[in-house]
C-alpha atoms as a PDB file:
ATOM      1  CA  MET A   1      45.400  62.614  -8.222  1.00  0.00           C
ATOM      2  CA  LYS A   2      48.081  64.328  -6.790  1.00  0.00           C
ATOM      3  CA  TYR A   3      50.699  63.949  -4.929  1.00  0.00           C
ATOM      4  CA  LEU A   4      52.696  65.984  -2.387  1.00  0.00           C
ATOM      5  CA  MET A   5      56.072  65.431  -2.392  1.00  0.00           C
ATOM      6  CA  GLU A   6      58.835  65.984   0.205  1.00  0.00           C
ATOM      7  CA  LYS A   7      62.654  65.996  -1.600  1.00  0.00           C
ATOM      8  CA  ASN A   8      63.712  61.949  -1.271  1.00  0.00           C
ATOM      9  CA  ASP A   9      60.382  60.827  -1.457  1.00  0.00           C
ATOM     10  CA  LEU A  10      59.288  58.125  -3.987  1.00  0.00           C
ATOM     11  CA  ILE A  11      55.957  56.587  -5.417  1.00  0.00           C
ATOM     12  CA  CYS A  12      55.778  53.663  -7.080  1.00  0.00           C
ATOM     13  CA  PHE A  13      52.807  52.184  -9.247  1.00  0.00           C
ATOM     14  CA  GLU A  14      51.928  49.647 -12.189  1.00  0.00           C
ATOM     15  CA  GLY A  15      52.580  51.774 -14.854  1.00  0.00           C
ATOM     16  CA  SER A  16      49.565  49.961 -18.141  1.00  0.00           C
ATOM     17  CA  PRO A  17      49.455  50.047 -21.861  1.00  0.00           C
ATOM     18  CA  SER A  18      46.336  51.854 -21.759  1.00  0.00           C
ATOM     19  CA  LYS A  19      48.433  55.257 -20.963  1.00  0.00           C
ATOM     20  CA  ILE A  20      49.257  57.258 -17.607  1.00  0.00           C
ATOM     21  CA  SER A  21      50.238  60.953 -17.446  1.00  0.00           C
ATOM     22  CA  VAL A  22      52.750  61.933 -15.416  1.00  0.00           C
ATOM     23  CA  THR A  23      52.865  65.687 -14.513  1.00  0.00           C
ATOM     24  CA  CYS A  24      54.646  67.376 -12.615  1.00  0.00           C
ATOM     25  CA  GLU A  25      52.949  70.808 -11.630  1.00  0.00           C
ATOM     26  CA  THR A  26      55.560  72.360  -9.085  1.00  0.00           C
ATOM     27  CA  GLY A  27      59.567  71.150  -8.356  1.00  0.00           C
ATOM     28  CA  ALA A  28      61.784  68.164 -10.110  1.00  0.00           C
ATOM     29  CA  LEU A  29      60.821  64.914 -10.898  1.00  0.00           C
ATOM     30  CA  TRP A  30      63.236  61.857 -11.729  1.00  0.00           C
ATOM     31  CA  VAL A  31      61.150  58.647 -13.178  1.00  0.00           C
ATOM     32  CA  THR A  32      62.004  55.400 -14.652  1.00  0.00           C
ATOM     33  CA  GLN A  33      60.098  51.962 -15.512  1.00  0.00           C
ATOM     34  CA  ALA A  34      61.105  48.780 -15.754  1.00  0.00           C
ATOM     35  CA  ASN A  35      62.654  47.596 -19.356  1.00  0.00           C
ATOM     36  CA  ASP A  36      63.204  51.233 -20.312  1.00  0.00           C
ATOM     37  CA  ARG A  37      66.806  52.060 -20.317  1.00  0.00           C
ATOM     38  CA  THR A  38      65.453  55.888 -20.287  1.00  0.00           C
ATOM     39  CA  ASP A  39      65.740  57.367 -17.264  1.00  0.00           C
ATOM     40  CA  ARG A  40      63.859  60.790 -17.683  1.00  0.00           C
ATOM     41  CA  VAL A  41      63.959  64.326 -15.092  1.00  0.00           C
ATOM     42  CA  LEU A  42      60.619  66.000 -14.784  1.00  0.00           C
ATOM     43  CA  MET A  43      60.667  70.075 -14.172  1.00  0.00           C
ATOM     44  CA  ALA A  44      57.554  71.933 -13.289  1.00  0.00           C
ATOM     45  CA  GLY A  45      55.018  71.395 -16.500  1.00  0.00           C
ATOM     46  CA  GLU A  46      56.559  68.281 -18.209  1.00  0.00           C
ATOM     47  CA  SER A  47      54.221  65.641 -18.977  1.00  0.00           C
ATOM     48  CA  LEU A  48      55.452  62.037 -19.049  1.00  0.00           C
ATOM     49  CA  ASP A  49      52.762  59.560 -20.710  1.00  0.00           C
ATOM     50  CA  ILE A  50      54.052  55.919 -19.224  1.00  0.00           C
ATOM     51  CA  GLN A  51      52.537  53.449 -22.317  1.00  0.00           C
ATOM     52  CA  LYS A  52      53.093  49.776 -21.090  1.00  0.00           C
ATOM     53  CA  LYS A  53      53.207  47.771 -18.294  1.00  0.00           C
ATOM     54  CA  GLY A  54      56.268  47.555 -15.555  1.00  0.00           C
ATOM     55  CA  LYS A  55      56.659  48.907 -12.712  1.00  0.00           C
ATOM     56  CA  VAL A  56      57.205  53.238 -12.430  1.00  0.00           C
ATOM     57  CA  ALA A  57      58.781  54.652 -10.032  1.00  0.00           C
ATOM     58  CA  VAL A  58      58.771  58.631  -9.509  1.00  0.00           C
ATOM     59  CA  LEU A  59      61.608  60.483  -6.978  1.00  0.00           C
ATOM     60  CA  GLY A  60      61.051  63.464  -6.114  1.00  0.00           C
ATOM     61  CA  CYS A  61      64.205  65.721  -6.850  1.00  0.00           C
ATOM     62  CA  LYS A  62      63.134  68.652  -4.479  1.00  0.00           C
ATOM     63  CA  ASP A  63      60.126  68.982  -3.027  1.00  0.00           C
ATOM     64  CA  SER A  64      56.987  68.092  -5.978  1.00  0.00           C
ATOM     65  CA  MET A  65      54.097  68.312  -6.431  1.00  0.00           C
ATOM     66  CA  MET A  66      52.815  65.089  -9.267  1.00  0.00           C
ATOM     67  CA  SER A  67      49.455  64.485 -10.680  1.00  0.00           C
ATOM     68  CA  LEU A  68      48.842  61.266 -12.460  1.00  0.00           C
ATOM     69  CA  LYS A  69      45.720  60.312 -15.032  1.00  0.00           C
ATOM     70  CA  SER A  70      44.902  57.470 -16.625  1.00  0.00           C
ATOM     71  CA  GLN A  71      43.376  57.117 -19.857  1.00  0.00           C
ATOM     72  CA  ASP A  72      39.976  57.146 -17.943  1.00  0.00           C
ATOM     73  CA  GLU A  73      40.488  60.289 -16.110  1.00  0.00           C
ATOM     74  CA  ILE A  74      42.009  62.022 -19.749  1.00  0.00           C
ATOM     75  CA  PHE A  75      38.715  61.027 -21.972  1.00  0.00           C
ATOM     76  CA  ALA A  76      36.363  62.375 -19.004  1.00  0.00           C
ATOM     77  CA  GLN A  77      38.276  66.054 -18.664  1.00  0.00           C
ATOM     78  CA  LEU A  78      37.242  66.640 -22.703  1.00  0.00           C
ATOM     79  CA  ARG A  79      34.091  65.269 -22.078  1.00  0.00           C
ATOM     80  CA  GLN A  80      33.275  67.592 -19.827  1.00  0.00           C
ATOM     81  CA  PRO A  81      31.375  71.037 -21.293  1.00  0.00           C
ATOM     82  CA  GLU A  82      34.238  73.690 -20.539  1.00  0.00           C
ATOM     83  CA  PHE A  83      36.590  71.761 -22.843  1.00  0.00           C
ATOM     84  CA  ILE A  84      34.189  71.214 -25.614  1.00  0.00           C
ATOM     85  CA  HIS A  85      34.651  74.674 -27.998  1.00  0.00           C
END
């Protein structure tokens, strides 16, 4: 799922131990998660895997495009014919 974010837009979701991948498609994103002391800034093309429970907040540092993929979506994409070599 992709989200177009303007500067200072905030999206929150619940983290999961089954892995959620956050990708900054364009722009820059600030990512923080409850009970994690390390905040991260993702630049265009960078990803972060969320692998534990706890609220996650993603802030657009500037106009950005973010994509979220669950473990199931990642697995499904790997099974599509264009990814099989």
